[in-house]
All heavy atoms as atom14 arrays in JSON, in Angstrom:
{
  "sequence": "VSNTWFDEIGYFCNGYARVKLNRKWNFIDTIGKCVS",
  "atom14_mask": [
    [1, 1, 1, 1, 1, 1, 1, 0, 0, 0, 0, 0, 0, 0],
    [1, 1, 1, 1, 1, 1, 0, 0, 0, 0, 0, 0, 0, 0],
    [1, 1, 1, 1, 1, 1, 1, 1, 0, 0, 0, 0, 0, 0],
    [1, 1, 1, 1, 1, 1, 1, 0, 0, 0, 0, 0, 0, 0],
    [1, 1, 1, 1, 1, 1, 1, 1, 1, 1, 1, 1, 1, 1],
    [1, 1, 1, 1, 1, 1, 1, 1, 1, 1, 1, 0, 0, 0],
    [1, 1, 1, 1, 1, 1, 1, 1, 0, 0, 0, 0, 0, 0],
    [1, 1, 1, 1, 1, 1, 1, 1, 1, 0, 0, 0, 0, 0],
    [1, 1, 1, 1, 1, 1, 1, 1, 0, 0, 0, 0, 0, 0],
    [1, 1, 1, 1, 0, 0, 0, 0, 0, 0, 0, 0, 0, 0],
    [1, 1, 1, 1, 1, 1, 1, 1, 1, 1, 1, 1, 0, 0],
    [1, 1, 1, 1, 1, 1, 1, 1, 1, 1, 1, 0, 0, 0],
    [1, 1, 1, 1, 1, 1, 0, 0, 0, 0, 0, 0, 0, 0],
    [1, 1, 1, 1, 1, 1, 1, 1, 0, 0, 0, 0, 0, 0],
    [1, 1, 1, 1, 0, 0, 0, 0, 0, 0, 0, 0, 0, 0],
    [1, 1, 1, 1, 1, 1, 1, 1, 1, 1, 1, 1, 0, 0],
    [1, 1, 1, 1, 1, 0, 0, 0, 0, 0, 0, 0, 0, 0],
    [1, 1, 1, 1, 1, 1, 1, 1, 1, 1, 1, 0, 0, 0],
    [1, 1, 1, 1, 1, 1, 1, 0, 0, 0, 0, 0, 0, 0],
    [1, 1, 1, 1, 1, 1, 1, 1, 1, 0, 0, 0, 0, 0],
    [1, 1, 1, 1, 1, 1, 1, 1, 0, 0, 0, 0, 0, 0],
    [1, 1, 1, 1, 1, 1, 1, 1, 0, 0, 0, 0, 0, 0],
    [1, 1, 1, 1, 1, 1, 1, 1, 1, 1, 1, 0, 0, 0],
    [1, 1, 1, 1, 1, 1, 1, 1, 1, 0, 0, 0, 0, 0],
    [1, 1, 1, 1, 1, 1, 1, 1, 1, 1, 1, 1, 1, 1],
    [1, 1, 1, 1, 1, 1, 1, 1, 0, 0, 0, 0, 0, 0],
    [1, 1, 1, 1, 1, 1, 1, 1, 1, 1, 1, 0, 0, 0],
    [1, 1, 1, 1, 1, 1, 1, 1, 0, 0, 0, 0, 0, 0],
    [1, 1, 1, 1, 1, 1, 1, 1, 0, 0, 0, 0, 0, 0],
    [1, 1, 1, 1, 1, 1, 1, 0, 0, 0, 0, 0, 0, 0],
    [1, 1, 1, 1, 1, 1, 1, 1, 0, 0, 0, 0, 0, 0],
    [1, 1, 1, 1, 0, 0, 0, 0, 0, 0, 0, 0, 0, 0],
    [1, 1, 1, 1, 1, 1, 1, 1, 1, 0, 0, 0, 0, 0],
    [1, 1, 1, 1, 1, 1, 0, 0, 0, 0, 0, 0, 0, 0],
    [1, 1, 1, 1, 1, 1, 1, 0, 0, 0, 0, 0, 0, 0],
    [1, 1, 1, 1, 1, 1, 0, 0, 0, 0, 0, 0, 0, 0]
  ],
  "atom14_positions": [
    [[-3.93, -0.79, -8.3], [-3.04, -0.62, -9.53], [-1.66, -0.38, -9.05], [-0.71, -0.91, -9.64], [-3.62, 0.42, -10.46], [-2.63, 0.73, -11.59], [-4.98, 0.0, -11.14], [0.0, 0.0, 0.0], [0.0, 0.0, 0.0], [0.0, 0.0, 0.0], [0.0, 0.0, 0.0], [0.0, 0.0, 0.0], [0.0, 0.0, 0.0], [0.0, 0.0, 0.0]],
    [[-1.47, 0.53, -8.14], [-0.22, 0.99, -7.71], [0.1, 0.56, -6.18], [-0.89, 0.5, -5.43], [-0.1, 2.55, -7.84], [1.11, 3.03, -7.34], [0.0, 0.0, 0.0], [0.0, 0.0, 0.0], [0.0, 0.0, 0.0], [0.0, 0.0, 0.0], [0.0, 0.0, 0.0], [0.0, 0.0, 0.0], [0.0, 0.0, 0.0], [0.0, 0.0, 0.0]],
    [[1.34, 0.39, -5.9], [1.65, 0.18, -4.5], [1.75, 1.48, -3.76], [1.62, 1.52, -2.54], [3.07, -0.46, -4.41], [3.09, -1.88, -4.92], [2.03, -2.61, -4.77], [4.07, -2.4, -5.42], [0.0, 0.0, 0.0], [0.0, 0.0, 0.0], [0.0, 0.0, 0.0], [0.0, 0.0, 0.0], [0.0, 0.0, 0.0], [0.0, 0.0, 0.0]],
    [[1.83, 2.55, -4.5], [1.85, 3.98, -3.93], [0.35, 4.46, -3.8], [-0.41, 4.28, -4.76], [2.63, 4.88, -4.76], [3.96, 4.35, -4.83], [2.73, 6.25, -4.17], [0.0, 0.0, 0.0], [0.0, 0.0, 0.0], [0.0, 0.0, 0.0], [0.0, 0.0, 0.0], [0.0, 0.0, 0.0], [0.0, 0.0, 0.0], [0.0, 0.0, 0.0]],
    [[0.08, 5.09, -2.72], [-1.24, 5.82, -2.57], [-0.94, 7.29, -2.75], [0.04, 7.91, -2.3], [-1.83, 5.55, -1.2], [-2.38, 4.21, -1.18], [-1.65, 3.0, -1.02], [-3.7, 3.78, -1.24], [-2.51, 1.96, -1.03], [-3.73, 2.36, -1.13], [-4.93, 4.44, -1.42], [-5.0, 1.71, -1.21], [-6.13, 3.75, -1.44], [-6.09, 2.45, -1.34]],
    [[-1.83, 8.0, -3.52], [-1.57, 9.36, -4.07], [-2.52, 10.36, -3.37], [-3.57, 10.03, -2.82], [-1.71, 9.37, -5.62], [-0.82, 8.47, -6.32], [-1.25, 7.26, -6.66], [0.44, 8.85, -6.53], [-0.36, 6.36, -7.34], [1.34, 7.94, -7.15], [0.9, 6.74, -7.55], [0.0, 0.0, 0.0], [0.0, 0.0, 0.0], [0.0, 0.0, 0.0]],
    [[-2.09, 11.64, -3.51], [-2.99, 12.76, -2.98], [-4.15, 12.99, -3.9], [-5.17, 13.31, -3.49], [-2.13, 13.96, -2.91], [-0.94, 13.84, -1.92], [-1.14, 13.16, -0.89], [0.09, 14.5, -2.09], [0.0, 0.0, 0.0], [0.0, 0.0, 0.0], [0.0, 0.0, 0.0], [0.0, 0.0, 0.0], [0.0, 0.0, 0.0], [0.0, 0.0, 0.0]],
    [[-3.94, 12.77, -5.14], [-4.95, 12.85, -6.19], [-4.68, 11.86, -7.27], [-3.53, 11.48, -7.52], [-5.03, 14.26, -6.89], [-5.53, 15.35, -5.91], [-5.75, 16.69, -6.64], [-6.23, 16.67, -7.73], [-5.37, 17.69, -6.04], [0.0, 0.0, 0.0], [0.0, 0.0, 0.0], [0.0, 0.0, 0.0], [0.0, 0.0, 0.0], [0.0, 0.0, 0.0]],
    [[-5.72, 11.47, -8.01], [-5.56, 10.53, -9.02], [-6.65, 10.69, -10.01], [-7.76, 10.96, -9.67], [-5.47, 9.0, -8.53], [-4.9, 8.03, -9.54], [-6.89, 8.55, -8.06], [-4.48, 6.67, -8.95], [0.0, 0.0, 0.0], [0.0, 0.0, 0.0], [0.0, 0.0, 0.0], [0.0, 0.0, 0.0], [0.0, 0.0, 0.0], [0.0, 0.0, 0.0]],
    [[-6.31, 10.47, -11.31], [-7.36, 10.55, -12.38], [-7.64, 9.18, -12.97], [-6.86, 8.22, -12.64], [0.0, 0.0, 0.0], [0.0, 0.0, 0.0], [0.0, 0.0, 0.0], [0.0, 0.0, 0.0], [0.0, 0.0, 0.0], [0.0, 0.0, 0.0], [0.0, 0.0, 0.0], [0.0, 0.0, 0.0], [0.0, 0.0, 0.0], [0.0, 0.0, 0.0]],
    [[-8.65, 9.08, -13.81], [-8.87, 7.79, -14.5], [-7.93, 7.67, -15.61], [-7.42, 8.64, -16.12], [-10.34, 7.68, -14.88], [-11.26, 7.26, -13.71], [-12.08, 8.23, -13.12], [-11.17, 6.02, -13.25], [-12.83, 7.83, -12.02], [-12.08, 5.63, -12.21], [-12.82, 6.57, -11.64], [-13.59, 6.17, -10.56], [0.0, 0.0, 0.0], [0.0, 0.0, 0.0]],
    [[-7.82, 6.4, -16.15], [-6.94, 6.22, -17.25], [-7.53, 6.79, -18.51], [-8.66, 6.72, -18.84], [-6.76, 4.7, -17.49], [-5.87, 4.09, -16.5], [-6.39, 3.29, -15.47], [-4.48, 4.21, -16.56], [-5.46, 2.63, -14.53], [-3.61, 3.69, -15.66], [-4.17, 2.93, -14.59], [0.0, 0.0, 0.0], [0.0, 0.0, 0.0], [0.0, 0.0, 0.0]],
    [[-6.63, 7.52, -19.2], [-6.93, 8.2, -20.46], [-5.81, 7.79, -21.45], [-4.63, 8.12, -21.14], [-7.03, 9.62, -20.3], [-7.38, 10.64, -21.78], [0.0, 0.0, 0.0], [0.0, 0.0, 0.0], [0.0, 0.0, 0.0], [0.0, 0.0, 0.0], [0.0, 0.0, 0.0], [0.0, 0.0, 0.0], [0.0, 0.0, 0.0], [0.0, 0.0, 0.0]],
    [[-6.15, 7.01, -22.47], [-5.14, 6.58, -23.4], [-4.06, 5.76, -22.75], [-2.92, 5.88, -23.09], [-4.6, 7.76, -24.25], [-5.68, 8.4, -25.15], [-6.35, 7.67, -25.82], [-5.8, 9.72, -24.97], [0.0, 0.0, 0.0], [0.0, 0.0, 0.0], [0.0, 0.0, 0.0], [0.0, 0.0, 0.0], [0.0, 0.0, 0.0], [0.0, 0.0, 0.0]],
    [[-4.42, 5.07, -21.69], [-3.44, 4.12, -21.13], [-2.68, 4.67, -19.91], [-1.96, 3.91, -19.29], [0.0, 0.0, 0.0], [0.0, 0.0, 0.0], [0.0, 0.0, 0.0], [0.0, 0.0, 0.0], [0.0, 0.0, 0.0], [0.0, 0.0, 0.0], [0.0, 0.0, 0.0], [0.0, 0.0, 0.0], [0.0, 0.0, 0.0], [0.0, 0.0, 0.0]],
    [[-2.93, 5.93, -19.42], [-2.2, 6.51, -18.37], [-3.09, 7.3, -17.48], [-4.07, 7.93, -17.96], [-1.04, 7.44, -18.99], [-0.08, 6.73, -19.85], [-0.23, 6.79, -21.18], [0.92, 5.97, -19.28], [0.61, 6.1, -22.03], [1.8, 5.3, -20.07], [1.62, 5.41, -21.43], [2.43, 4.7, -22.23], [0.0, 0.0, 0.0], [0.0, 0.0, 0.0]],
    [[-2.85, 7.25, -16.25], [-3.61, 8.04, -15.3], [-2.72, 9.09, -14.56], [-1.59, 8.82, -14.26], [-4.22, 7.14, -14.15], [0.0, 0.0, 0.0], [0.0, 0.0, 0.0], [0.0, 0.0, 0.0], [0.0, 0.0, 0.0], [0.0, 0.0, 0.0], [0.0, 0.0, 0.0], [0.0, 0.0, 0.0], [0.0, 0.0, 0.0], [0.0, 0.0, 0.0]],
    [[-3.28, 10.3, -14.52], [-2.53, 11.34, -13.83], [-2.52, 11.09, -12.31], [-3.56, 10.74, -11.72], [-3.2, 12.76, -14.09], [-3.19, 13.07, -15.55], [-3.82, 14.44, -15.91], [-5.05, 14.72, -15.11], [-5.27, 15.83, -14.54], [-4.42, 16.89, -14.59], [-6.31, 16.05, -13.85], [0.0, 0.0, 0.0], [0.0, 0.0, 0.0], [0.0, 0.0, 0.0]],
    [[-1.46, 11.35, -11.69], [-1.29, 11.15, -10.21], [-0.58, 12.3, -9.62], [0.32, 12.86, -10.2], [-0.58, 9.82, -9.84], [-1.41, 8.64, -10.29], [0.78, 9.75, -10.38], [0.0, 0.0, 0.0], [0.0, 0.0, 0.0], [0.0, 0.0, 0.0], [0.0, 0.0, 0.0], [0.0, 0.0, 0.0], [0.0, 0.0, 0.0], [0.0, 0.0, 0.0]],
    [[-1.01, 12.72, -8.43], [-0.36, 13.75, -7.63], [0.11, 13.21, -6.29], [-0.6, 12.63, -5.57], [-1.35, 14.91, -7.45], [-0.73, 16.15, -6.72], [-1.78, 17.22, -6.56], [-1.22, 18.39, -5.81], [-2.32, 19.39, -5.65], [0.0, 0.0, 0.0], [0.0, 0.0, 0.0], [0.0, 0.0, 0.0], [0.0, 0.0, 0.0], [0.0, 0.0, 0.0]],
    [[1.39, 13.59, -6.01], [2.02, 13.25, -4.75], [2.9, 14.39, -4.34], [3.75, 14.81, -5.09], [2.74, 11.98, -4.84], [3.25, 11.35, -3.61], [2.13, 10.88, -2.65], [4.09, 10.03, -3.94], [0.0, 0.0, 0.0], [0.0, 0.0, 0.0], [0.0, 0.0, 0.0], [0.0, 0.0, 0.0], [0.0, 0.0, 0.0], [0.0, 0.0, 0.0]],
    [[2.77, 14.85, -3.05], [3.49, 15.98, -2.54], [3.59, 17.09, -3.47], [4.64, 17.68, -3.77], [5.0, 15.39, -2.2], [4.96, 14.23, -1.24], [4.12, 14.26, -0.31], [5.83, 13.25, -1.51], [0.0, 0.0, 0.0], [0.0, 0.0, 0.0], [0.0, 0.0, 0.0], [0.0, 0.0, 0.0], [0.0, 0.0, 0.0], [0.0, 0.0, 0.0]],
    [[2.42, 17.49, -3.93], [2.23, 18.74, -4.82], [2.84, 18.61, -6.21], [2.94, 19.59, -6.92], [2.8, 19.97, -4.12], [2.09, 20.29, -2.85], [2.52, 21.56, -2.29], [1.93, 21.74, -0.93], [2.3, 22.72, -0.12], [3.33, 23.55, -0.48], [1.63, 22.88, 0.99], [0.0, 0.0, 0.0], [0.0, 0.0, 0.0], [0.0, 0.0, 0.0]],
    [[3.24, 17.48, -6.68], [3.86, 17.24, -7.92], [3.02, 16.14, -8.71], [2.44, 15.24, -8.03], [5.36, 16.82, -7.89], [6.23, 18.01, -7.34], [6.38, 19.11, -8.28], [7.37, 20.12, -7.79], [7.62, 21.18, -8.81], [0.0, 0.0, 0.0], [0.0, 0.0, 0.0], [0.0, 0.0, 0.0], [0.0, 0.0, 0.0], [0.0, 0.0, 0.0]],
    [[3.08, 16.26, -9.99], [2.28, 15.36, -10.87], [3.17, 14.41, -11.76], [4.23, 14.81, -12.1], [1.39, 16.13, -11.81], [0.34, 16.93, -11.04], [0.36, 18.11, -10.51], [-0.99, 16.41, -10.8], [-0.82, 18.41, -9.84], [-1.76, 17.41, -10.13], [-1.7, 15.24, -11.19], [-3.05, 17.31, -9.77], [-3.02, 15.14, -10.84], [-3.69, 16.14, -10.17]],
    [[2.6, 13.27, -12.03], [3.17, 12.25, -12.89], [2.14, 11.48, -13.54], [0.94, 11.79, -13.34], [4.26, 11.4, -12.08], [5.28, 10.78, -12.94], [5.16, 10.61, -14.19], [6.45, 10.57, -12.3], [0.0, 0.0, 0.0], [0.0, 0.0, 0.0], [0.0, 0.0, 0.0], [0.0, 0.0, 0.0], [0.0, 0.0, 0.0], [0.0, 0.0, 0.0]],
    [[2.44, 10.41, -14.2], [1.52, 9.46, -14.7], [1.85, 8.05, -14.23], [2.98, 7.77, -14.11], [1.53, 9.45, -16.24], [1.07, 10.78, -16.85], [2.09, 11.64, -17.24], [-0.21, 10.97, -17.16], [1.64, 12.92, -17.88], [-0.53, 12.12, -17.78], [0.37, 13.09, -18.14], [0.0, 0.0, 0.0], [0.0, 0.0, 0.0], [0.0, 0.0, 0.0]],
    [[0.83, 7.29, -14.16], [1.11, 5.82, -13.99], [0.52, 5.09, -15.13], [-0.51, 5.57, -15.72], [0.65, 5.2, -12.62], [-0.9, 5.45, -12.52], [1.36, 5.84, -11.47], [-1.56, 4.75, -11.31], [0.0, 0.0, 0.0], [0.0, 0.0, 0.0], [0.0, 0.0, 0.0], [0.0, 0.0, 0.0], [0.0, 0.0, 0.0], [0.0, 0.0, 0.0]],
    [[1.01, 3.97, -15.49], [0.43, 3.1, -16.49], [-0.52, 2.06, -15.78], [-0.69, 2.15, -14.59], [1.45, 2.36, -17.34], [2.38, 1.53, -16.61], [2.08, 1.09, -15.49], [3.48, 1.16, -17.11], [0.0, 0.0, 0.0], [0.0, 0.0, 0.0], [0.0, 0.0, 0.0], [0.0, 0.0, 0.0], [0.0, 0.0, 0.0], [0.0, 0.0, 0.0]],
    [[-1.15, 1.19, -16.5], [-2.13, 0.29, -15.96], [-1.59, -0.8, -15.01], [-2.33, -1.48, -14.42], [-2.9, -0.42, -17.1], [-2.09, -1.16, -17.95], [-3.76, 0.59, -17.88], [0.0, 0.0, 0.0], [0.0, 0.0, 0.0], [0.0, 0.0, 0.0], [0.0, 0.0, 0.0], [0.0, 0.0, 0.0], [0.0, 0.0, 0.0], [0.0, 0.0, 0.0]],
    [[-0.17, -0.83, -14.92], [0.45, -1.75, -13.97], [0.95, -0.96, -12.81], [1.7, -1.52, -11.9], [1.43, -2.74, -14.57], [2.64, -1.92, -15.2], [0.86, -3.68, -15.53], [3.77, -2.83, -15.66], [0.0, 0.0, 0.0], [0.0, 0.0, 0.0], [0.0, 0.0, 0.0], [0.0, 0.0, 0.0], [0.0, 0.0, 0.0], [0.0, 0.0, 0.0]],
    [[0.63, 0.38, -12.76], [1.02, 1.18, -11.56], [2.43, 1.81, -11.66], [2.84, 2.42, -10.65], [0.0, 0.0, 0.0], [0.0, 0.0, 0.0], [0.0, 0.0, 0.0], [0.0, 0.0, 0.0], [0.0, 0.0, 0.0], [0.0, 0.0, 0.0], [0.0, 0.0, 0.0], [0.0, 0.0, 0.0], [0.0, 0.0, 0.0], [0.0, 0.0, 0.0]],
    [[3.14, 1.56, -12.74], [4.52, 2.17, -12.87], [4.47, 3.6, -13.36], [3.72, 3.85, -14.21], [5.26, 1.24, -13.89], [6.69, 1.69, -14.04], [7.46, 0.81, -15.0], [8.88, 1.14, -15.01], [9.38, 1.54, -16.27], [0.0, 0.0, 0.0], [0.0, 0.0, 0.0], [0.0, 0.0, 0.0], [0.0, 0.0, 0.0], [0.0, 0.0, 0.0]],
    [[5.26, 4.47, -12.6], [5.44, 5.79, -13.07], [5.97, 5.88, -14.36], [7.0, 5.19, -14.71], [6.21, 6.56, -11.99], [5.29, 7.15, -10.51], [0.0, 0.0, 0.0], [0.0, 0.0, 0.0], [0.0, 0.0, 0.0], [0.0, 0.0, 0.0], [0.0, 0.0, 0.0], [0.0, 0.0, 0.0], [0.0, 0.0, 0.0], [0.0, 0.0, 0.0]],
    [[5.53, 6.73, -15.2], [6.01, 6.93, -16.66], [7.34, 7.65, -16.63], [8.19, 7.37, -17.44], [4.92, 7.68, -17.48], [5.43, 8.02, -18.78], [3.61, 6.85, -17.53], [0.0, 0.0, 0.0], [0.0, 0.0, 0.0], [0.0, 0.0, 0.0], [0.0, 0.0, 0.0], [0.0, 0.0, 0.0], [0.0, 0.0, 0.0], [0.0, 0.0, 0.0]],
    [[7.46, 8.57, -15.73], [8.71, 9.52, -15.74], [9.35, 9.46, -14.4], [8.69, 9.34, -13.3], [8.32, 10.92, -16.13], [9.41, 11.79, -15.95], [0.0, 0.0, 0.0], [0.0, 0.0, 0.0], [0.0, 0.0, 0.0], [0.0, 0.0, 0.0], [0.0, 0.0, 0.0], [0.0, 0.0, 0.0], [0.0, 0.0, 0.0], [0.0, 0.0, 0.0]]
  ]
}
């Protein structure tokens, strides 16, 4: 889904998956784009 590999990742919930990288969290959409 993403070109980035993460330290942690969740499954999609309402279209977004939680991702952790370098101790910080964000979301990706189903095409792997960070939401924020």
